[in-house]
Amino acid sequence: MDKIAVIIPAYNEEASIAAVVADVHQASKEAGVHYWPVVVNDCSKDRTGQIISELPCTALQLPINLGIGGAVQTGFKFALLNGYTHAVQVDGDGQHPPVELLKMYNYMNASGNDVVIGSRFLEGKGFQSSAMRRFGIKYFMRLNKLLVGVTINDSTSGLRMLNQNALKVVSKDYPDEYPEPEAVILYVKNGLKIGEVQVEMRERQGGVSSIDGVRSVYYMAKVTIAILYTYIRLTFR
């Protein structure tokens, strides 16, 4: 039977993390698929670490803040080392309903993809994010297509499932800060097959986004540089 580690990176998510873990268990029961929540506390300053230590989950407590990329990679490494057949990233703020994981799992099995990304934009259902963020998402879609010839409509989506082929890649090499668009280059350059499936997301159920206002411009500039660097590094290695 396949075992799926649900990797939940959490930084100051005390308002939502218990509900996310409960939703994972409920989705596992309803789907008849073995999901197990692995919460990676990225050195939170609130009660996140204490809360997850009392929940039915694997609680990985990082001693220093690694950022989203480091926290997610920690979860991926745990999944690979502990014999999970798949790992799926689910944000700790409640935006990613675990009920959608079955759709991703079934699509991965049917398509033979190594990575399946949950997309908001294939059918335009559910929470669609702000106009500024949608502009950035389209920008990264075009940049990635230009560089590696693959169209990913929601390349900033953190809801993504990986099989063991992909876990072996990301356990060794994974972007650190705002990794999702950059990881598309990493997947393609390592010969992994990527697909998307429509999912419905929610607005965050707690906490505050780290990307808004002026920071969104900084984010686009920094991630563009990171994508170009990764493309050059992996093309001429």
C-alpha atoms as a PDB file:
ATOM      1  CA  MET A   1       0.000   0.000   0.000  1.00  0.00           C
ATOM      2  CA  ASP A   2       1.293   3.436  -0.905  1.00  0.00           C
ATOM      3  CA  LYS A   3       2.216   5.710   1.993  1.00  0.00           C
ATOM      4  CA  ILE A   4       1.981   9.460   1.429  1.00  0.00           C
ATOM      5  CA  ALA A   5       3.816  11.883   3.696  1.00  0.00           C
ATOM      6  CA  VAL A   6       1.934  15.178   3.852  1.00  0.00           C
ATOM      7  CA  ILE A   7       4.697  17.735   4.370  1.00  0.00           C
ATOM      8  CA  ILE A   8       3.387  20.835   6.156  1.00  0.00           C
ATOM      9  CA  PRO A   9       5.956  23.641   6.518  1.00  0.00           C
ATOM     10  CA  ALA A  10       4.877  25.902   9.360  1.00  0.00           C
ATOM     11  CA  TYR A  11       6.155  29.272  10.490  1.00  0.00           C
ATOM     12  CA  ASN A  12       3.947  31.077  13.017  1.00  0.00           C
ATOM     13  CA  GLU A  13       0.850  29.082  12.053  1.00  0.00           C
ATOM     14  CA  GLU A  14      -0.634  28.606  15.534  1.00  0.00           C
ATOM     15  CA  ALA A  15      -4.039  29.836  14.331  1.00  0.00           C
ATOM     16  CA  SER A  16      -4.455  27.177  11.631  1.00  0.00           C
ATOM     17  CA  ILE A  17      -2.056  24.253  12.064  1.00  0.00           C
ATOM     18  CA  ALA A  18      -4.279  22.050  14.265  1.00  0.00           C
ATOM     19  CA  ALA A  19      -7.127  22.316  11.754  1.00  0.00           C
ATOM     20  CA  VAL A  20      -4.788  21.460   8.856  1.00  0.00           C
ATOM     21  CA  VAL A  21      -3.571  18.293  10.614  1.00  0.00           C
ATOM     22  CA  ALA A  22      -7.164  17.304  11.425  1.00  0.00           C
ATOM     23  CA  ASP A  23      -8.157  17.854   7.791  1.00  0.00           C
ATOM     24  CA  VAL A  24      -5.323  15.561   6.629  1.00  0.00           C
ATOM     25  CA  HIS A  25      -6.548  12.733   8.855  1.00  0.00           C
ATOM     26  CA  GLN A  26     -10.141  13.253   7.756  1.00  0.00           C
ATOM     27  CA  ALA A  27      -9.139  13.252   4.078  1.00  0.00           C
ATOM     28  CA  SER A  28      -7.125  10.063   4.606  1.00  0.00           C
ATOM     29  CA  LYS A  29     -10.118   8.342   6.172  1.00  0.00           C
ATOM     30  CA  GLU A  30     -12.494   9.433   3.403  1.00  0.00           C
ATOM     31  CA  ALA A  31     -10.091   8.559   0.551  1.00  0.00           C
ATOM     32  CA  GLY A  32      -8.944   5.226   1.941  1.00  0.00           C
ATOM     33  CA  VAL A  33      -5.351   6.286   1.244  1.00  0.00           C
ATOM     34  CA  HIS A  34      -2.593   6.394   3.872  1.00  0.00           C
ATOM     35  CA  TYR A  35      -1.764  10.070   4.459  1.00  0.00           C
ATOM     36  CA  TRP A  36       0.445  10.980   7.394  1.00  0.00           C
ATOM     37  CA  PRO A  37       1.056  14.625   8.384  1.00  0.00           C
ATOM     38  CA  VAL A  38       4.699  15.626   8.826  1.00  0.00           C
ATOM     39  CA  VAL A  39       4.787  19.155  10.238  1.00  0.00           C
ATOM     40  CA  VAL A  40       8.090  21.019   9.932  1.00  0.00           C
ATOM     41  CA  ASN A  41       8.189  23.849  12.443  1.00  0.00           C
ATOM     42  CA  ASP A  42      10.578  26.403  10.944  1.00  0.00           C
ATOM     43  CA  CYS A  43      11.655  27.851  14.310  1.00  0.00           C
ATOM     44  CA  SER A  44       8.346  29.657  14.823  1.00  0.00           C
ATOM     45  CA  LYS A  45       8.127  32.495  17.342  1.00  0.00           C
ATOM     46  CA  ASP A  46       4.560  31.645  18.373  1.00  0.00           C
ATOM     47  CA  ARG A  47       3.061  28.434  19.851  1.00  0.00           C
ATOM     48  CA  THR A  48       3.303  26.387  16.627  1.00  0.00           C
ATOM     49  CA  GLY A  49       6.023  24.091  17.990  1.00  0.00           C
ATOM     50  CA  GLN A  50       4.139  23.341  21.209  1.00  0.00           C
ATOM     51  CA  ILE A  51       0.861  22.748  19.383  1.00  0.00           C
ATOM     52  CA  ILE A  52       2.252  20.243  16.877  1.00  0.00           C
ATOM     53  CA  SER A  53       4.057  18.304  19.612  1.00  0.00           C
ATOM     54  CA  GLU A  54       0.609  17.457  20.996  1.00  0.00           C
ATOM     55  CA  LEU A  55      -1.038  16.579  17.647  1.00  0.00           C
ATOM     56  CA  PRO A  56      -1.233  13.182  15.864  1.00  0.00           C
ATOM     57  CA  CYS A  57       1.587  13.967  13.444  1.00  0.00           C
ATOM     58  CA  THR A  58       5.329  13.741  13.037  1.00  0.00           C
ATOM     59  CA  ALA A  59       6.646  17.015  14.470  1.00  0.00           C
ATOM     60  CA  LEU A  60      10.027  18.082  13.095  1.00  0.00           C
ATOM     61  CA  GLN A  61      11.343  21.008  15.139  1.00  0.00           C
ATOM     62  CA  LEU A  62      14.021  23.006  13.322  1.00  0.00           C
ATOM     63  CA  PRO A  63      16.489  24.734  15.702  1.00  0.00           C
ATOM     64  CA  ILE A  64      16.983  27.647  13.296  1.00  0.00           C
ATOM     65  CA  ASN A  65      14.810  29.263  10.639  1.00  0.00           C
ATOM     66  CA  LEU A  66      15.648  27.765   7.230  1.00  0.00           C
ATOM     67  CA  GLY A  67      12.919  29.460   5.194  1.00  0.00           C
ATOM     68  CA  ILE A  68      10.230  27.702   3.203  1.00  0.00           C
ATOM     69  CA  GLY A  69      12.646  25.831   0.915  1.00  0.00           C
ATOM     70  CA  GLY A  70      14.714  24.410   3.748  1.00  0.00           C
ATOM     71  CA  ALA A  71      11.636  23.435   5.735  1.00  0.00           C
ATOM     72  CA  VAL A  72      10.046  21.658   2.776  1.00  0.00           C
ATOM     73  CA  GLN A  73      13.298  19.884   1.870  1.00  0.00           C
ATOM     74  CA  THR A  74      13.558  18.675   5.462  1.00  0.00           C
ATOM     75  CA  GLY A  75      10.157  17.062   5.042  1.00  0.00           C
ATOM     76  CA  PHE A  76      11.110  15.556   1.689  1.00  0.00           C
ATOM     77  CA  LYS A  77      14.262  14.032   3.171  1.00  0.00           C
ATOM     78  CA  PHE A  78      12.255  12.588   6.047  1.00  0.00           C
ATOM     79  CA  ALA A  79       9.779  11.022   3.624  1.00  0.00           C
ATOM     80  CA  LEU A  80      12.513   9.449   1.484  1.00  0.00           C
ATOM     81  CA  LEU A  81      14.488   8.116   4.450  1.00  0.00           C
ATOM     82  CA  ASN A  82      11.396   6.641   6.083  1.00  0.00           C
ATOM     83  CA  GLY A  83      10.071   4.665   3.132  1.00  0.00           C
ATOM     84  CA  TYR A  84       7.163   6.824   1.985  1.00  0.00           C
ATOM     85  CA  THR A  85       6.195   6.193  -1.625  1.00  0.00           C
ATOM     86  CA  HIS A  86       5.048   9.787  -2.151  1.00  0.00           C
ATOM     87  CA  ALA A  87       5.253  13.158  -0.464  1.00  0.00           C
ATOM     88  CA  VAL A  88       2.947  16.095  -0.956  1.00  0.00           C
ATOM     89  CA  GLN A  89       3.494  19.645   0.236  1.00  0.00           C
ATOM     90  CA  VAL A  90       0.509  21.269   1.938  1.00  0.00           C
ATOM     91  CA  ASP A  91       0.772  24.799   3.329  1.00  0.00           C
ATOM     92  CA  GLY A  92       0.248  25.275   7.045  1.00  0.00           C
ATOM     93  CA  ASP A  93      -2.067  28.267   6.612  1.00  0.00           C
ATOM     94  CA  GLY A  94      -5.061  26.198   5.488  1.00  0.00           C
ATOM     95  CA  GLN A  95      -5.087  27.296   1.824  1.00  0.00           C
ATOM     96  CA  HIS A  96      -4.691  23.743   0.508  1.00  0.00           C
ATOM     97  CA  PRO A  97      -7.683  21.501   1.323  1.00  0.00           C
ATOM     98  CA  PRO A  98      -6.334  17.958   1.897  1.00  0.00           C
ATOM     99  CA  VAL A  99      -9.479  16.593   0.261  1.00  0.00           C
ATOM    100  CA  GLU A 100      -7.843  17.549  -3.064  1.00  0.00           C
ATOM    101  CA  LEU A 101      -4.938  15.141  -2.497  1.00  0.00           C
ATOM    102  CA  LEU A 102      -6.845  12.141  -3.813  1.00  0.00           C
ATOM    103  CA  LYS A 103      -7.367  13.906  -7.128  1.00  0.00           C
ATOM    104  CA  MET A 104      -3.611  14.544  -7.367  1.00  0.00           C
ATOM    105  CA  TYR A 105      -2.730  10.978  -6.356  1.00  0.00           C
ATOM    106  CA  ASN A 106      -5.085   9.457  -8.907  1.00  0.00           C
ATOM    107  CA  TYR A 107      -3.813  11.763 -11.642  1.00  0.00           C
ATOM    108  CA  MET A 108      -0.197  10.884 -10.842  1.00  0.00           C
ATOM    109  CA  ASN A 109      -0.956   7.162 -11.096  1.00  0.00           C
ATOM    110  CA  ALA A 110      -2.866   7.577 -14.357  1.00  0.00           C
ATOM    111  CA  SER A 111      -0.398   9.950 -16.047  1.00  0.00           C
ATOM    112  CA  GLY A 112       2.931   8.533 -14.937  1.00  0.00           C
ATOM    113  CA  ASN A 113       4.131  11.967 -13.857  1.00  0.00           C
ATOM    114  CA  ASP A 114       6.840  12.251 -11.226  1.00  0.00           C
ATOM    115  CA  VAL A 115       5.496  15.584  -9.992  1.00  0.00           C
ATOM    116  CA  VAL A 116       1.880  16.747  -9.933  1.00  0.00           C
ATOM    117  CA  ILE A 117       1.093  20.373  -9.155  1.00  0.00           C
ATOM    118  CA  GLY A 118      -2.307  21.429  -7.868  1.00  0.00           C
ATOM    119  CA  SER A 119      -3.392  24.328 -10.088  1.00  0.00           C
ATOM    120  CA  ARG A 120      -5.971  27.036  -9.407  1.00  0.00           C
ATOM    121  CA  PHE A 121      -6.112  28.173 -12.999  1.00  0.00           C
ATOM    122  CA  LEU A 122      -6.930  25.243 -15.279  1.00  0.00           C
ATOM    123  CA  GLU A 123     -10.646  25.743 -14.706  1.00  0.00           C
ATOM    124  CA  GLY A 124     -10.599  28.947 -12.650  1.00  0.00           C
ATOM    125  CA  LYS A 125     -12.422  27.480  -9.644  1.00  0.00           C
ATOM    126  CA  GLY A 126     -12.010  28.381  -5.988  1.00  0.00           C
ATOM    127  CA  PHE A 127      -9.820  31.138  -4.550  1.00  0.00           C
ATOM    128  CA  GLN A 128      -7.873  32.812  -7.383  1.00  0.00           C
ATOM    129  CA  SER A 129      -5.505  35.114  -5.453  1.00  0.00           C
ATOM    130  CA  SER A 130      -4.996  38.852  -6.058  1.00  0.00           C
ATOM    131  CA  ALA A 131      -4.573  40.516  -9.455  1.00  0.00           C
ATOM    132  CA  MET A 132      -0.931  41.326  -8.657  1.00  0.00           C
ATOM    133  CA  ARG A 133      -0.173  37.727  -7.776  1.00  0.00           C
ATOM    134  CA  ARG A 134      -1.936  36.423 -10.877  1.00  0.00           C
ATOM    135  CA  PHE A 135       0.255  38.748 -12.963  1.00  0.00           C
ATOM    136  CA  GLY A 136       3.357  37.320 -11.297  1.00  0.00           C
ATOM    137  CA  ILE A 137       2.170  33.754 -11.810  1.00  0.00           C
ATOM    138  CA  LYS A 138       1.651  34.340 -15.536  1.00  0.00           C
ATOM    139  CA  TYR A 139       5.071  35.965 -15.735  1.00  0.00           C
ATOM    140  CA  PHE A 140       6.766  32.909 -14.209  1.00  0.00           C
ATOM    141  CA  MET A 141       4.721  30.609 -16.439  1.00  0.00           C
ATOM    142  CA  ARG A 142       6.097  32.370 -19.521  1.00  0.00           C
ATOM    143  CA  LEU A 143       9.659  32.515 -18.172  1.00  0.00           C
ATOM    144  CA  ASN A 144       9.739  28.794 -17.394  1.00  0.00           C
ATOM    145  CA  LYS A 145       8.226  27.943 -20.776  1.00  0.00           C
ATOM    146  CA  LEU A 146      10.878  30.064 -22.502  1.00  0.00           C
ATOM    147  CA  LEU A 147      13.698  28.323 -20.634  1.00  0.00           C
ATOM    148  CA  VAL A 148      12.615  24.668 -20.545  1.00  0.00           C
ATOM    149  CA  GLY A 149       9.633  24.464 -22.895  1.00  0.00           C
ATOM    150  CA  VAL A 150       7.155  23.332 -20.242  1.00  0.00           C
ATOM    151  CA  THR A 151       3.942  25.219 -19.493  1.00  0.00           C
ATOM    152  CA  ILE A 152       2.936  25.205 -15.830  1.00  0.00           C
ATOM    153  CA  ASN A 153      -0.083  27.435 -15.332  1.00  0.00           C
ATOM    154  CA  ASP A 154       0.331  27.699 -11.553  1.00  0.00           C
ATOM    155  CA  SER A 155       4.077  27.469 -11.000  1.00  0.00           C
ATOM    156  CA  THR A 156       3.886  29.294  -7.650  1.00  0.00           C
ATOM    157  CA  SER A 157       1.483  26.713  -6.215  1.00  0.00           C
ATOM    158  CA  GLY A 158       2.890  25.065  -3.121  1.00  0.00           C
ATOM    159  CA  LEU A 159       0.457  22.165  -3.432  1.00  0.00           C
ATOM    160  CA  ARG A 160       2.548  19.556  -5.214  1.00  0.00           C
ATOM    161  CA  MET A 161       2.954  15.795  -4.980  1.00  0.00           C
ATOM    162  CA  LEU A 162       6.225  13.958  -5.689  1.00  0.00           C
ATOM    163  CA  ASN A 163       6.976  10.274  -6.194  1.00  0.00           C
ATOM    164  CA  GLN A 164      10.216   8.593  -5.122  1.00  0.00           C
ATOM    165  CA  ASN A 165      12.026   9.539  -8.348  1.00  0.00           C
ATOM    166  CA  ALA A 166      11.379  13.197  -7.576  1.00  0.00           C
ATOM    167  CA  LEU A 167      12.117  12.803  -3.857  1.00  0.00           C
ATOM    168  CA  LYS A 168      15.598  11.518  -4.676  1.00  0.00           C
ATOM    169  CA  VAL A 169      16.255  14.703  -6.678  1.00  0.00           C
ATOM    170  CA  VAL A 170      14.862  17.256  -4.209  1.00  0.00           C
ATOM    171  CA  SER A 171      16.497  15.581  -1.212  1.00  0.00           C
ATOM    172  CA  LYS A 172      19.878  16.467  -2.725  1.00  0.00           C
ATOM    173  CA  ASP A 173      19.081  19.788  -4.394  1.00  0.00           C
ATOM    174  CA  TYR A 174      16.173  22.146  -3.655  1.00  0.00           C
ATOM    175  CA  PRO A 175      15.781  25.934  -3.853  1.00  0.00           C
ATOM    176  CA  ASP A 176      15.797  27.726  -0.513  1.00  0.00           C
ATOM    177  CA  GLU A 177      13.621  30.870  -0.513  1.00  0.00           C
ATOM    178  CA  TYR A 178      10.304  30.980  -2.503  1.00  0.00           C
ATOM    179  CA  PRO A 179      11.262  27.714  -4.240  1.00  0.00           C
ATOM    180  CA  GLU A 180       8.178  26.787  -6.261  1.00  0.00           C
ATOM    181  CA  PRO A 181       8.822  28.512  -9.658  1.00  0.00           C
ATOM    182  CA  GLU A 182      12.537  27.707  -9.505  1.00  0.00           C
ATOM    183  CA  ALA A 183      11.821  24.050  -8.730  1.00  0.00           C
ATOM    184  CA  VAL A 184      10.108  23.668 -12.122  1.00  0.00           C
ATOM    185  CA  ILE A 185      13.521  24.185 -13.765  1.00  0.00           C
ATOM    186  CA  LEU A 186      15.056  21.680 -11.354  1.00  0.00           C
ATOM    187  CA  TYR A 187      12.454  19.031 -12.182  1.00  0.00           C
ATOM    188  CA  VAL A 188      12.784  19.373 -15.963  1.00  0.00           C
ATOM    189  CA  LYS A 189      16.577  19.488 -15.955  1.00  0.00           C
ATOM    190  CA  ASN A 190      16.639  16.252 -13.963  1.00  0.00           C
ATOM    191  CA  GLY A 191      14.384  14.467 -16.436  1.00  0.00           C
ATOM    192  CA  LEU A 192      11.268  14.402 -14.264  1.00  0.00           C
ATOM    193  CA  LYS A 193       7.797  14.493 -15.800  1.00  0.00           C
ATOM    194  CA  ILE A 194       5.533  17.255 -14.488  1.00  0.00           C
ATOM    195  CA  GLY A 195       1.766  17.571 -14.726  1.00  0.00           C
ATOM    196  CA  GLU A 196      -0.992  19.768 -13.340  1.00  0.00           C
ATOM    197  CA  VAL A 197      -4.458  18.978 -12.091  1.00  0.00           C
ATOM    198  CA  GLN A 198      -7.236  21.414 -11.217  1.00  0.00           C
ATOM    199  CA  VAL A 199      -7.782  21.945  -7.486  1.00  0.00           C
ATOM    200  CA  GLU A 200      -9.825  24.378  -5.467  1.00  0.00           C
ATOM    201  CA  MET A 201      -7.921  26.395  -2.899  1.00  0.00           C
ATOM    202  CA  ARG A 202      -9.090  28.572  -0.024  1.00  0.00           C
ATOM    203  CA  GLU A 203      -7.959  31.883   1.385  1.00  0.00           C
ATOM    204  CA  ARG A 204      -5.428  31.451   4.171  1.00  0.00           C
ATOM    205  CA  GLN A 205      -7.151  30.422   7.406  1.00  0.00           C
ATOM    206  CA  GLY A 206      -4.693  32.209   9.687  1.00  0.00           C
ATOM    207  CA  GLY A 207      -1.373  34.026   9.843  1.00  0.00           C
ATOM    208  CA  VAL A 208      -0.018  36.678   7.488  1.00  0.00           C
ATOM    209  CA  SER A 209       1.437  36.274   4.002  1.00  0.00           C
ATOM    210  CA  SER A 210       5.152  37.012   3.589  1.00  0.00           C
ATOM    211  CA  ILE A 211       4.573  38.350   0.061  1.00  0.00           C
ATOM    212  CA  ASP A 212       2.545  41.517  -0.321  1.00  0.00           C
ATOM    213  CA  GLY A 213       2.889  45.121  -1.479  1.00  0.00           C
ATOM    214  CA  VAL A 214       6.471  46.201  -2.205  1.00  0.00           C
ATOM    215  CA  ARG A 215       7.733  42.743  -1.242  1.00  0.00           C
ATOM    216  CA  SER A 216       5.929  41.238  -4.224  1.00  0.00           C
ATOM    217  CA  VAL A 217       8.158  43.287  -6.572  1.00  0.00           C
ATOM    218  CA  TYR A 218      11.232  42.167  -4.641  1.00  0.00           C
ATOM    219  CA  TYR A 219       9.960  38.585  -4.811  1.00  0.00           C
ATOM    220  CA  MET A 220       9.575  38.676  -8.615  1.00  0.00           C
ATOM    221  CA  ALA A 221      13.043  40.148  -9.112  1.00  0.00           C
ATOM    222  CA  LYS A 222      14.744  37.731  -6.734  1.00  0.00           C
ATOM    223  CA  VAL A 223      12.990  34.636  -8.084  1.00  0.00           C
ATOM    224  CA  THR A 224      13.761  35.664 -11.682  1.00  0.00           C
ATOM    225  CA  ILE A 225      17.466  35.798 -10.846  1.00  0.00           C
ATOM    226  CA  ALA A 226      17.217  32.452  -9.026  1.00  0.00           C
ATOM    227  CA  ILE A 227      15.448  30.803 -11.964  1.00  0.00           C
ATOM    228  CA  LEU A 228      18.061  32.040 -14.423  1.00  0.00           C
ATOM    229  CA  TYR A 229      20.891  30.921 -12.148  1.00  0.00           C
ATOM    230  CA  THR A 230      19.367  27.441 -11.718  1.00  0.00           C
ATOM    231  CA  TYR A 231      18.821  27.112 -15.458  1.00  0.00           C
ATOM    232  CA  ILE A 232      22.448  28.056 -16.235  1.00  0.00           C
ATOM    233  CA  ARG A 233      23.839  25.880 -13.411  1.00  0.00           C
ATOM    234  CA  LEU A 234      21.932  22.787 -14.499  1.00  0.00           C
ATOM    235  CA  THR A 235      22.398  23.353 -18.242  1.00  0.00           C
ATOM    236  CA  PHE A 236      26.184  23.649 -18.111  1.00  0.00           C
ATOM    237  CA  ARG A 237      26.975  21.292 -15.225  1.00  0.00           C
END
